[in-house]
Amino acid sequence: ERVEGEPHAHTFWVRCEVASLKLRGAGS
């Protein structure tokens, strides 16, 4: 979903989606 921080210290924000169960989870 987005990447924050300097190139040497990135923080990744990711979404996991299970469409069949209508579930979503976020992680960094």
mmCIF file of all heavy atoms, coordinates in Angstrom:
data_MODEL
# 
_entry.id   MODEL 
# 
loop_
_atom_site.group_PDB 
_atom_site.id 
_atom_site.type_symbol 
_atom_site.label_atom_id 
_atom_site.label_alt_id 
_atom_site.label_comp_id 
_atom_site.label_asym_id 
_atom_site.label_entity_id 
_atom_site.label_seq_id 
_atom_site.pdbx_PDB_ins_code 
_atom_site.Cartn_x 
_atom_site.Cartn_y 
_atom_site.Cartn_z 
_atom_site.occupancy 
_atom_site.B_iso_or_equiv 
_atom_site.pdbx_formal_charge 
_atom_site.auth_seq_id 
_atom_site.auth_comp_id 
_atom_site.auth_asym_id 
_atom_site.auth_atom_id 
_atom_site.pdbx_PDB_model_num 
ATOM 1   N N   . GLU A 1 1  ? 0.813   -1.212  0.000  1.00 0.00 ? 1  GLU A N   1 
ATOM 2   C CA  . GLU A 1 1  ? 0.000   0.000   0.000  1.00 0.00 ? 1  GLU A CA  1 
ATOM 3   C C   . GLU A 1 1  ? 0.849   1.266   0.000  1.00 0.00 ? 1  GLU A C   1 
ATOM 4   O O   . GLU A 1 1  ? 0.489   2.265   -0.604 1.00 0.00 ? 1  GLU A O   1 
ATOM 5   C CB  . GLU A 1 1  ? -0.941  -0.014  1.198  1.00 0.00 ? 1  GLU A CB  1 
ATOM 6   C CG  . GLU A 1 1  ? -1.945  -1.177  1.143  1.00 0.00 ? 1  GLU A CG  1 
ATOM 7   C CD  . GLU A 1 1  ? -3.038  -1.032  2.174  1.00 0.00 ? 1  GLU A CD  1 
ATOM 8   O OE1 . GLU A 1 1  ? -2.712  -0.755  3.354  1.00 0.00 ? 1  GLU A OE1 1 
ATOM 9   O OE2 . GLU A 1 1  ? -4.223  -1.202  1.818  1.00 0.00 ? 1  GLU A OE2 1 
ATOM 10  N N   . ARG A 1 2  ? 1.967   1.219   0.700  1.00 0.00 ? 2  ARG A N   1 
ATOM 11  C CA  . ARG A 1 2  ? 2.878   2.367   0.675  1.00 0.00 ? 2  ARG A CA  1 
ATOM 12  C C   . ARG A 1 2  ? 4.235   1.957   1.256  1.00 0.00 ? 2  ARG A C   1 
ATOM 13  O O   . ARG A 1 2  ? 4.349   0.949   1.939  1.00 0.00 ? 2  ARG A O   1 
ATOM 14  C CB  . ARG A 1 2  ? 2.307   3.548   1.455  1.00 0.00 ? 2  ARG A CB  1 
ATOM 15  C CG  . ARG A 1 2  ? 2.165   3.332   2.953  1.00 0.00 ? 2  ARG A CG  1 
ATOM 16  C CD  . ARG A 1 2  ? 1.502   4.544   3.601  1.00 0.00 ? 2  ARG A CD  1 
ATOM 17  N NE  . ARG A 1 2  ? 1.500   4.490   5.045  1.00 0.00 ? 2  ARG A NE  1 
ATOM 18  C CZ  . ARG A 1 2  ? 0.610   3.847   5.783  1.00 0.00 ? 2  ARG A CZ  1 
ATOM 19  N NH1 . ARG A 1 2  ? -0.377  3.178   5.187  1.00 0.00 ? 2  ARG A NH1 1 
ATOM 20  N NH2 . ARG A 1 2  ? 0.686   3.856   7.104  1.00 0.00 ? 2  ARG A NH2 1 
ATOM 21  N N   . VAL A 1 3  ? 5.235   2.754   0.930  1.00 0.00 ? 3  VAL A N   1 
ATOM 22  C CA  . VAL A 1 3  ? 6.588   2.563   1.456  1.00 0.00 ? 3  VAL A CA  1 
ATOM 23  C C   . VAL A 1 3  ? 7.037   3.889   2.032  1.00 0.00 ? 3  VAL A C   1 
ATOM 24  O O   . VAL A 1 3  ? 6.962   4.930   1.367  1.00 0.00 ? 3  VAL A O   1 
ATOM 25  C CB  . VAL A 1 3  ? 7.573   2.102   0.351  1.00 0.00 ? 3  VAL A CB  1 
ATOM 26  C CG1 . VAL A 1 3  ? 8.963   1.909   0.940  1.00 0.00 ? 3  VAL A CG1 1 
ATOM 27  C CG2 . VAL A 1 3  ? 7.084   0.820   -0.302 1.00 0.00 ? 3  VAL A CG2 1 
ATOM 28  N N   . GLU A 1 4  ? 7.503   3.878   3.266  1.00 0.00 ? 4  GLU A N   1 
ATOM 29  C CA  . GLU A 1 4  ? 7.915   5.101   3.944  1.00 0.00 ? 4  GLU A CA  1 
ATOM 30  C C   . GLU A 1 4  ? 9.388   5.037   4.323  1.00 0.00 ? 4  GLU A C   1 
ATOM 31  O O   . GLU A 1 4  ? 9.970   3.959   4.426  1.00 0.00 ? 4  GLU A O   1 
ATOM 32  C CB  . GLU A 1 4  ? 7.064   5.324   5.202  1.00 0.00 ? 4  GLU A CB  1 
ATOM 33  C CG  . GLU A 1 4  ? 5.576   5.483   4.924  1.00 0.00 ? 4  GLU A CG  1 
ATOM 34  C CD  . GLU A 1 4  ? 4.774   5.641   6.204  1.00 0.00 ? 4  GLU A CD  1 
ATOM 35  O OE1 . GLU A 1 4  ? 5.313   5.348   7.285  1.00 0.00 ? 4  GLU A OE1 1 
ATOM 36  O OE2 . GLU A 1 4  ? 3.588   6.040   6.116  1.00 0.00 ? 4  GLU A OE2 1 
ATOM 37  N N   . GLY A 1 5  ? 9.975   6.206   4.532  1.00 0.00 ? 5  GLY A N   1 
ATOM 38  C CA  . GLY A 1 5  ? 11.333  6.265   5.039  1.00 0.00 ? 5  GLY A CA  1 
ATOM 39  C C   . GLY A 1 5  ? 12.385  6.387   3.962  1.00 0.00 ? 5  GLY A C   1 
ATOM 40  O O   . GLY A 1 5  ? 12.105  6.319   2.765  1.00 0.00 ? 5  GLY A O   1 
ATOM 41  N N   . GLU A 1 6  ? 13.626  6.568   4.407  1.00 0.00 ? 6  GLU A N   1 
ATOM 42  C CA  . GLU A 1 6  ? 14.769  6.678   3.511  1.00 0.00 ? 6  GLU A CA  1 
ATOM 43  C C   . GLU A 1 6  ? 15.061  5.328   2.863  1.00 0.00 ? 6  GLU A C   1 
ATOM 44  O O   . GLU A 1 6  ? 14.685  4.281   3.399  1.00 0.00 ? 6  GLU A O   1 
ATOM 45  C CB  . GLU A 1 6  ? 15.997  7.165   4.289  1.00 0.00 ? 6  GLU A CB  1 
ATOM 46  C CG  . GLU A 1 6  ? 15.832  8.533   4.925  1.00 0.00 ? 6  GLU A CG  1 
ATOM 47  C CD  . GLU A 1 6  ? 15.636  9.627   3.890  1.00 0.00 ? 6  GLU A CD  1 
ATOM 48  O OE1 . GLU A 1 6  ? 16.255  9.531   2.819  1.00 0.00 ? 6  GLU A OE1 1 
ATOM 49  O OE2 . GLU A 1 6  ? 14.855  10.570  4.156  1.00 0.00 ? 6  GLU A OE2 1 
ATOM 50  N N   . PRO A 1 7  ? 15.774  5.343   1.721  1.00 0.00 ? 7  PRO A N   1 
ATOM 51  C CA  . PRO A 1 7  ? 16.064  4.079   1.017  1.00 0.00 ? 7  PRO A CA  1 
ATOM 52  C C   . PRO A 1 7  ? 16.751  3.026   1.885  1.00 0.00 ? 7  PRO A C   1 
ATOM 53  O O   . PRO A 1 7  ? 16.523  1.840   1.716  1.00 0.00 ? 7  PRO A O   1 
ATOM 54  C CB  . PRO A 1 7  ? 16.967  4.534   -0.133 1.00 0.00 ? 7  PRO A CB  1 
ATOM 55  C CG  . PRO A 1 7  ? 16.557  5.941   -0.390 1.00 0.00 ? 7  PRO A CG  1 
ATOM 56  C CD  . PRO A 1 7  ? 16.224  6.522   0.952  1.00 0.00 ? 7  PRO A CD  1 
ATOM 57  N N   . HIS A 1 8  ? 17.583  3.475   2.818  1.00 0.00 ? 8  HIS A N   1 
ATOM 58  C CA  . HIS A 1 8  ? 18.299  2.517   3.669  1.00 0.00 ? 8  HIS A CA  1 
ATOM 59  C C   . HIS A 1 8  ? 17.489  2.115   4.908  1.00 0.00 ? 8  HIS A C   1 
ATOM 60  O O   . HIS A 1 8  ? 17.937  1.280   5.696  1.00 0.00 ? 8  HIS A O   1 
ATOM 61  C CB  . HIS A 1 8  ? 19.641  3.114   4.112  1.00 0.00 ? 8  HIS A CB  1 
ATOM 62  C CG  . HIS A 1 8  ? 19.500  4.320   4.996  1.00 0.00 ? 8  HIS A CG  1 
ATOM 63  N ND1 . HIS A 1 8  ? 19.226  5.571   4.485  1.00 0.00 ? 8  HIS A ND1 1 
ATOM 64  C CD2 . HIS A 1 8  ? 19.564  4.472   6.345  1.00 0.00 ? 8  HIS A CD2 1 
ATOM 65  C CE1 . HIS A 1 8  ? 19.146  6.443   5.482  1.00 0.00 ? 8  HIS A CE1 1 
ATOM 66  N NE2 . HIS A 1 8  ? 19.343  5.797   6.622  1.00 0.00 ? 8  HIS A NE2 1 
ATOM 67  N N   . ALA A 1 9  ? 16.328  2.719   5.075  1.00 0.00 ? 9  ALA A N   1 
ATOM 68  C CA  . ALA A 1 9  ? 15.512  2.421   6.265  1.00 0.00 ? 9  ALA A CA  1 
ATOM 69  C C   . ALA A 1 9  ? 14.033  2.437   5.899  1.00 0.00 ? 9  ALA A C   1 
ATOM 70  O O   . ALA A 1 9  ? 13.219  3.119   6.523  1.00 0.00 ? 9  ALA A O   1 
ATOM 71  C CB  . ALA A 1 9  ? 15.813  3.420   7.375  1.00 0.00 ? 9  ALA A CB  1 
ATOM 72  N N   . HIS A 1 10 ? 13.670  1.688   4.884  1.00 0.00 ? 10 HIS A N   1 
ATOM 73  C CA  . HIS A 1 10 ? 12.280  1.645   4.437  1.00 0.00 ? 10 HIS A CA  1 
ATOM 74  C C   . HIS A 1 10 ? 11.380  0.949   5.455  1.00 0.00 ? 10 HIS A C   1 
ATOM 75  O O   . HIS A 1 10 ? 11.803  0.030   6.171  1.00 0.00 ? 10 HIS A O   1 
ATOM 76  C CB  . HIS A 1 10 ? 12.180  0.879   3.113  1.00 0.00 ? 10 HIS A CB  1 
ATOM 77  C CG  . HIS A 1 10 ? 12.480  1.726   1.923  1.00 0.00 ? 10 HIS A CG  1 
ATOM 78  N ND1 . HIS A 1 10 ? 12.899  1.207   0.709  1.00 0.00 ? 10 HIS A ND1 1 
ATOM 79  C CD2 . HIS A 1 10 ? 12.405  3.073   1.729  1.00 0.00 ? 10 HIS A CD2 1 
ATOM 80  C CE1 . HIS A 1 10 ? 13.079  2.189   -0.152 1.00 0.00 ? 10 HIS A CE1 1 
ATOM 81  N NE2 . HIS A 1 10 ? 12.786  3.323   0.443  1.00 0.00 ? 10 HIS A NE2 1 
ATOM 82  N N   . THR A 1 11 ? 10.124  1.382   5.469  1.00 0.00 ? 11 THR A N   1 
ATOM 83  C CA  . THR A 1 11 ? 9.060   0.653   6.152  1.00 0.00 ? 11 THR A CA  1 
ATOM 84  C C   . THR A 1 11 ? 7.993   0.349   5.115  1.00 0.00 ? 11 THR A C   1 
ATOM 85  O O   . THR A 1 11 ? 7.472   1.270   4.462  1.00 0.00 ? 11 THR A O   1 
ATOM 86  C CB  . THR A 1 11 ? 8.453   1.471   7.300  1.00 0.00 ? 11 THR A CB  1 
ATOM 87  O OG1 . THR A 1 11 ? 9.446   1.712   8.292  1.00 0.00 ? 11 THR A OG1 1 
ATOM 88  C CG2 . THR A 1 11 ? 7.284   0.711   7.937  1.00 0.00 ? 11 THR A CG2 1 
ATOM 89  N N   . PHE A 1 12 ? 7.697   -0.926  4.947  1.00 0.00 ? 12 PHE A N   1 
ATOM 90  C CA  . PHE A 1 12 ? 6.702   -1.368  3.980  1.00 0.00 ? 12 PHE A CA  1 
ATOM 91  C C   . PHE A 1 12 ? 5.368   -1.580  4.684  1.00 0.00 ? 12 PHE A C   1 
ATOM 92  O O   . PHE A 1 12 ? 5.330   -2.163  5.774  1.00 0.00 ? 12 PHE A O   1 
ATOM 93  C CB  . PHE A 1 12 ? 7.131   -2.679  3.311  1.00 0.00 ? 12 PHE A CB  1 
ATOM 94  C CG  . PHE A 1 12 ? 8.338   -2.559  2.427  1.00 0.00 ? 12 PHE A CG  1 
ATOM 95  C CD1 . PHE A 1 12 ? 9.616   -2.587  2.961  1.00 0.00 ? 12 PHE A CD1 1 
ATOM 96  C CD2 . PHE A 1 12 ? 8.203   -2.418  1.048  1.00 0.00 ? 12 PHE A CD2 1 
ATOM 97  C CE1 . PHE A 1 12 ? 10.734  -2.473  2.154  1.00 0.00 ? 12 PHE A CE1 1 
ATOM 98  C CE2 . PHE A 1 12 ? 9.309   -2.308  0.230  1.00 0.00 ? 12 PHE A CE2 1 
ATOM 99  C CZ  . PHE A 1 12 ? 10.582  -2.340  0.780  1.00 0.00 ? 12 PHE A CZ  1 
ATOM 100 N N   . TRP A 1 13 ? 4.306   -1.109  4.048  1.00 0.00 ? 13 TRP A N   1 
ATOM 101 C CA  . TRP A 1 13 ? 2.946   -1.340  4.529  1.00 0.00 ? 13 TRP A CA  1 
ATOM 102 C C   . TRP A 1 13 ? 2.227   -2.200  3.509  1.00 0.00 ? 13 TRP A C   1 
ATOM 103 O O   . TRP A 1 13 ? 2.112   -1.826  2.344  1.00 0.00 ? 13 TRP A O   1 
ATOM 104 C CB  . TRP A 1 13 ? 2.212   -0.019  4.741  1.00 0.00 ? 13 TRP A CB  1 
ATOM 105 C CG  . TRP A 1 13 ? 2.830   0.807   5.829  1.00 0.00 ? 13 TRP A CG  1 
ATOM 106 C CD1 . TRP A 1 13 ? 3.898   1.651   5.714  1.00 0.00 ? 13 TRP A CD1 1 
ATOM 107 C CD2 . TRP A 1 13 ? 2.425   0.862   7.194  1.00 0.00 ? 13 TRP A CD2 1 
ATOM 108 N NE1 . TRP A 1 13 ? 4.202   2.226   6.920  1.00 0.00 ? 13 TRP A NE1 1 
ATOM 109 C CE2 . TRP A 1 13 ? 3.305   1.767   7.859  1.00 0.00 ? 13 TRP A CE2 1 
ATOM 110 C CE3 . TRP A 1 13 ? 1.413   0.246   7.935  1.00 0.00 ? 13 TRP A CE3 1 
ATOM 111 C CZ2 . TRP A 1 13 ? 3.199   2.052   9.209  1.00 0.00 ? 13 TRP A CZ2 1 
ATOM 112 C CZ3 . TRP A 1 13 ? 1.299   0.534   9.283  1.00 0.00 ? 13 TRP A CZ3 1 
ATOM 113 C CH2 . TRP A 1 13 ? 2.185   1.419   9.905  1.00 0.00 ? 13 TRP A CH2 1 
ATOM 114 N N   . VAL A 1 14 ? 1.764   -3.367  3.953  1.00 0.00 ? 14 VAL A N   1 
ATOM 115 C CA  . VAL A 1 14 ? 1.220   -4.367  3.034  1.00 0.00 ? 14 VAL A CA  1 
ATOM 116 C C   . VAL A 1 14 ? -0.183  -4.783  3.471  1.00 0.00 ? 14 VAL A C   1 
ATOM 117 O O   . VAL A 1 14 ? -0.478  -4.870  4.678  1.00 0.00 ? 14 VAL A O   1 
ATOM 118 C CB  . VAL A 1 14 ? 2.147   -5.602  2.972  1.00 0.00 ? 14 VAL A CB  1 
ATOM 119 C CG1 . VAL A 1 14 ? 1.487   -6.759  2.229  1.00 0.00 ? 14 VAL A CG1 1 
ATOM 120 C CG2 . VAL A 1 14 ? 3.470   -5.236  2.296  1.00 0.00 ? 14 VAL A CG2 1 
ATOM 121 N N   . ARG A 1 15 ? -1.038  -5.053  2.491  1.00 0.00 ? 15 ARG A N   1 
ATOM 122 C CA  . ARG A 1 15 ? -2.382  -5.571  2.756  1.00 0.00 ? 15 ARG A CA  1 
ATOM 123 C C   . ARG A 1 15 ? -2.471  -7.011  2.282  1.00 0.00 ? 15 ARG A C   1 
ATOM 124 O O   . ARG A 1 15 ? -2.025  -7.342  1.181  1.00 0.00 ? 15 ARG A O   1 
ATOM 125 C CB  . ARG A 1 15 ? -3.426  -4.730  2.019  1.00 0.00 ? 15 ARG A CB  1 
ATOM 126 C CG  . ARG A 1 15 ? -4.869  -5.205  2.247  1.00 0.00 ? 15 ARG A CG  1 
ATOM 127 C CD  . ARG A 1 15 ? -5.860  -4.401  1.419  1.00 0.00 ? 15 ARG A CD  1 
ATOM 128 N NE  . ARG A 1 15 ? -5.803  -4.760  0.003  1.00 0.00 ? 15 ARG A NE  1 
ATOM 129 C CZ  . ARG A 1 15 ? -5.287  -4.005  -0.947 1.00 0.00 ? 15 ARG A CZ  1 
ATOM 130 N NH1 . ARG A 1 15 ? -4.746  -2.827  -0.661 1.00 0.00 ? 15 ARG A NH1 1 
ATOM 131 N NH2 . ARG A 1 15 ? -5.283  -4.396  -2.216 1.00 0.00 ? 15 ARG A NH2 1 
ATOM 132 N N   . CYS A 1 16 ? -3.020  -7.861  3.124  1.00 0.00 ? 16 CYS A N   1 
ATOM 133 C CA  . CYS A 1 16 ? -3.318  -9.250  2.754  1.00 0.00 ? 16 CYS A CA  1 
ATOM 134 C C   . CYS A 1 16 ? -4.840  -9.371  2.674  1.00 0.00 ? 16 CYS A C   1 
ATOM 135 O O   . CYS A 1 16 ? -5.547  -8.986  3.606  1.00 0.00 ? 16 CYS A O   1 
ATOM 136 C CB  . CYS A 1 16 ? -2.765  -10.218 3.795  1.00 0.00 ? 16 CYS A CB  1 
ATOM 137 S SG  . CYS A 1 16 ? -3.279  -11.931 3.543  1.00 0.00 ? 16 CYS A SG  1 
ATOM 138 N N   . GLU A 1 17 ? -5.322  -9.908  1.567  1.00 0.00 ? 17 GLU A N   1 
ATOM 139 C CA  . GLU A 1 17 ? -6.773  -10.006 1.369  1.00 0.00 ? 17 GLU A CA  1 
ATOM 140 C C   . GLU A 1 17 ? -7.158  -11.421 0.962  1.00 0.00 ? 17 GLU A C   1 
ATOM 141 O O   . GLU A 1 17 ? -6.535  -12.021 0.090  1.00 0.00 ? 17 GLU A O   1 
ATOM 142 C CB  . GLU A 1 17 ? -7.231  -9.022  0.294  1.00 0.00 ? 17 GLU A CB  1 
ATOM 143 C CG  . GLU A 1 17 ? -8.737  -9.002  0.102  1.00 0.00 ? 17 GLU A CG  1 
ATOM 144 C CD  . GLU A 1 17 ? -9.190  -7.886  -0.819 1.00 0.00 ? 17 GLU A CD  1 
ATOM 145 O OE1 . GLU A 1 17 ? -8.320  -7.114  -1.303 1.00 0.00 ? 17 GLU A OE1 1 
ATOM 146 O OE2 . GLU A 1 17 ? -10.411 -7.773  -1.054 1.00 0.00 ? 17 GLU A OE2 1 
ATOM 147 N N   . VAL A 1 18 ? -8.173  -11.948 1.640  1.00 0.00 ? 18 VAL A N   1 
ATOM 148 C CA  . VAL A 1 18 ? -8.774  -13.231 1.262  1.00 0.00 ? 18 VAL A CA  1 
ATOM 149 C C   . VAL A 1 18 ? -10.185 -12.918 0.794  1.00 0.00 ? 18 VAL A C   1 
ATOM 150 O O   . VAL A 1 18 ? -11.115 -12.792 1.603  1.00 0.00 ? 18 VAL A O   1 
ATOM 151 C CB  . VAL A 1 18 ? -8.794  -14.221 2.445  1.00 0.00 ? 18 VAL A CB  1 
ATOM 152 C CG1 . VAL A 1 18 ? -9.401  -15.551 2.012  1.00 0.00 ? 18 VAL A CG1 1 
ATOM 153 C CG2 . VAL A 1 18 ? -7.384  -14.435 2.989  1.00 0.00 ? 18 VAL A CG2 1 
ATOM 154 N N   . ALA A 1 19 ? -10.340 -12.762 -0.510 1.00 0.00 ? 19 ALA A N   1 
ATOM 155 C CA  . ALA A 1 19 ? -11.610 -12.291 -1.061 1.00 0.00 ? 19 ALA A CA  1 
ATOM 156 C C   . ALA A 1 19 ? -12.762 -13.234 -0.748 1.00 0.00 ? 19 ALA A C   1 
ATOM 157 O O   . ALA A 1 19 ? -13.882 -12.788 -0.457 1.00 0.00 ? 19 ALA A O   1 
ATOM 158 C CB  . ALA A 1 19 ? -11.465 -12.113 -2.576 1.00 0.00 ? 19 ALA A CB  1 
ATOM 159 N N   . SER A 1 20 ? -12.504 -14.530 -0.787 1.00 0.00 ? 20 SER A N   1 
ATOM 160 C CA  . SER A 1 20 ? -13.576 -15.505 -0.576 1.00 0.00 ? 20 SER A CA  1 
ATOM 161 C C   . SER A 1 20 ? -14.143 -15.458 0.831  1.00 0.00 ? 20 SER A C   1 
ATOM 162 O O   . SER A 1 20 ? -15.294 -15.829 1.058  1.00 0.00 ? 20 SER A O   1 
ATOM 163 C CB  . SER A 1 20 ? -13.066 -16.916 -0.887 1.00 0.00 ? 20 SER A CB  1 
ATOM 164 O OG  . SER A 1 20 ? -11.944 -17.216 -0.083 1.00 0.00 ? 20 SER A OG  1 
ATOM 165 N N   . LEU A 1 21 ? -13.346 -14.982 1.779  1.00 0.00 ? 21 LEU A N   1 
ATOM 166 C CA  . LEU A 1 21 ? -13.810 -14.876 3.163  1.00 0.00 ? 21 LEU A CA  1 
ATOM 167 C C   . LEU A 1 21 ? -14.082 -13.432 3.571  1.00 0.00 ? 21 LEU A C   1 
ATOM 168 O O   . LEU A 1 21 ? -14.474 -13.177 4.718  1.00 0.00 ? 21 LEU A O   1 
ATOM 169 C CB  . LEU A 1 21 ? -12.758 -15.479 4.117  1.00 0.00 ? 21 LEU A CB  1 
ATOM 170 C CG  . LEU A 1 21 ? -12.450 -16.962 3.950  1.00 0.00 ? 21 LEU A CG  1 
ATOM 171 C CD1 . LEU A 1 21 ? -11.400 -17.406 4.960  1.00 0.00 ? 21 LEU A CD1 1 
ATOM 172 C CD2 . LEU A 1 21 ? -13.711 -17.807 4.104  1.00 0.00 ? 21 LEU A CD2 1 
ATOM 173 N N   . LYS A 1 22 ? -13.850 -12.502 2.647  1.00 0.00 ? 22 LYS A N   1 
ATOM 174 C CA  . LYS A 1 22 ? -14.041 -11.078 2.923  1.00 0.00 ? 22 LYS A CA  1 
ATOM 175 C C   . LYS A 1 22 ? -13.226 -10.625 4.130  1.00 0.00 ? 22 LYS A C   1 
ATOM 176 O O   . LYS A 1 22 ? -13.707 -9.913  5.010  1.00 0.00 ? 22 LYS A O   1 
ATOM 177 C CB  . LYS A 1 22 ? -15.523 -10.765 3.128  1.00 0.00 ? 22 LYS A CB  1 
ATOM 178 C CG  . LYS A 1 22 ? -16.395 -11.084 1.913  1.00 0.00 ? 22 LYS A CG  1 
ATOM 179 C CD  . LYS A 1 22 ? -17.858 -10.752 2.162  1.00 0.00 ? 22 LYS A CD  1 
ATOM 180 C CE  . LYS A 1 22 ? -18.707 -11.082 0.922  1.00 0.00 ? 22 LYS A CE  1 
ATOM 181 N NZ  . LYS A 1 22 ? -20.140 -10.795 1.122  1.00 0.00 ? 22 LYS A NZ  1 
ATOM 182 N N   . LEU A 1 23 ? -11.971 -11.075 4.127  1.00 0.00 ? 23 LEU A N   1 
ATOM 183 C CA  . LEU A 1 23 ? -11.068 -10.735 5.228  1.00 0.00 ? 23 LEU A CA  1 
ATOM 184 C C   . LEU A 1 23 ? -9.878  -9.947  4.699  1.00 0.00 ? 23 LEU A C   1 
ATOM 185 O O   . LEU A 1 23 ? -9.386  -10.201 3.597  1.00 0.00 ? 23 LEU A O   1 
ATOM 186 C CB  . LEU A 1 23 ? -10.564 -11.992 5.929  1.00 0.00 ? 23 LEU A CB  1 
ATOM 187 C CG  . LEU A 1 23 ? -11.592 -12.846 6.662  1.00 0.00 ? 23 LEU A CG  1 
ATOM 188 C CD1 . LEU A 1 23 ? -10.930 -14.086 7.225  1.00 0.00 ? 23 LEU A CD1 1 
ATOM 189 C CD2 . LEU A 1 23 ? -12.272 -12.047 7.761  1.00 0.00 ? 23 LEU A CD2 1 
ATOM 190 N N   . ARG A 1 24 ? -9.445  -8.994  5.501  1.00 0.00 ? 24 ARG A N   1 
ATOM 191 C CA  . ARG A 1 24 ? -8.253  -8.216  5.179  1.00 0.00 ? 24 ARG A CA  1 
ATOM 192 C C   . ARG A 1 24 ? -7.393  -8.076  6.430  1.00 0.00 ? 24 ARG A C   1 
ATOM 193 O O   . ARG A 1 24 ? -7.916  -7.964  7.533  1.00 0.00 ? 24 ARG A O   1 
ATOM 194 C CB  . ARG A 1 24 ? -8.612  -6.818  4.667  1.00 0.00 ? 24 ARG A CB  1 
ATOM 195 C CG  . ARG A 1 24 ? -9.183  -6.763  3.264  1.00 0.00 ? 24 ARG A CG  1 
ATOM 196 C CD  . ARG A 1 24 ? -9.349  -5.323  2.838  1.00 0.00 ? 24 ARG A CD  1 
ATOM 197 N NE  . ARG A 1 24 ? -9.852  -5.211  1.476  1.00 0.00 ? 24 ARG A NE  1 
ATOM 198 C CZ  . ARG A 1 24 ? -9.996  -4.054  0.847  1.00 0.00 ? 24 ARG A CZ  1 
ATOM 199 N NH1 . ARG A 1 24 ? -9.677  -2.926  1.461  1.00 0.00 ? 24 ARG A NH1 1 
ATOM 200 N NH2 . ARG A 1 24 ? -10.455 -4.029  -0.392 1.00 0.00 ? 24 ARG A NH2 1 
ATOM 201 N N   . GLY A 1 25 ? -6.090  -8.057  6.211  1.00 0.00 ? 25 GLY A N   1 
ATOM 202 C CA  . GLY A 1 25 ? -5.170  -7.816  7.301  1.00 0.00 ? 25 GLY A CA  1 
ATOM 203 C C   . GLY A 1 25 ? -4.053  -6.903  6.835  1.00 0.00 ? 25 GLY A C   1 
ATOM 204 O O   . GLY A 1 25 ? -3.631  -6.976  5.680  1.00 0.00 ? 25 GLY A O   1 
ATOM 205 N N   . ALA A 1 26 ? -3.592  -6.016  7.712  1.00 0.00 ? 26 ALA A N   1 
ATOM 206 C CA  . ALA A 1 26 ? -2.521  -5.085  7.364  1.00 0.00 ? 26 ALA A CA  1 
ATOM 207 C C   . ALA A 1 26 ? -1.280  -5.407  8.186  1.00 0.00 ? 26 ALA A C   1 
ATOM 208 O O   . ALA A 1 26 ? -1.368  -5.860  9.333  1.00 0.00 ? 26 ALA A O   1 
ATOM 209 C CB  . ALA A 1 26 ? -2.960  -3.654  7.621  1.00 0.00 ? 26 ALA A CB  1 
ATOM 210 N N   . GLY A 1 27 ? -0.134  -5.173  7.558  1.00 0.00 ? 27 GLY A N   1 
ATOM 211 C CA  . GLY A 1 27 ? 1.111   -5.413  8.251  1.00 0.00 ? 27 GLY A CA  1 
ATOM 212 C C   . GLY A 1 27 ? 2.180   -4.434  7.810  1.00 0.00 ? 27 GLY A C   1 
ATOM 213 O O   . GLY A 1 27 ? 2.089   -3.845  6.727  1.00 0.00 ? 27 GLY A O   1 
ATOM 214 N N   . SER A 1 28 ? 3.187   -4.243  8.634  1.00 0.00 ? 28 SER A N   1 
ATOM 215 C CA  . SER A 1 28 ? 4.297   -3.361  8.289  1.00 0.00 ? 28 SER A CA  1 
ATOM 216 C C   . SER A 1 28 ? 5.598   -4.015  8.718  1.00 0.00 ? 28 SER A C   1 
ATOM 217 O O   . SER A 1 28 ? 5.627   -4.872  9.592  1.00 0.00 ? 28 SER A O   1 
ATOM 218 C CB  . SER A 1 28 ? 4.140   -2.004  8.974  1.00 0.00 ? 28 SER A CB  1 
ATOM 219 O OG  . SER A 1 28 ? 4.189   -2.154  10.381 1.00 0.00 ? 28 SER A OG  1 
# 
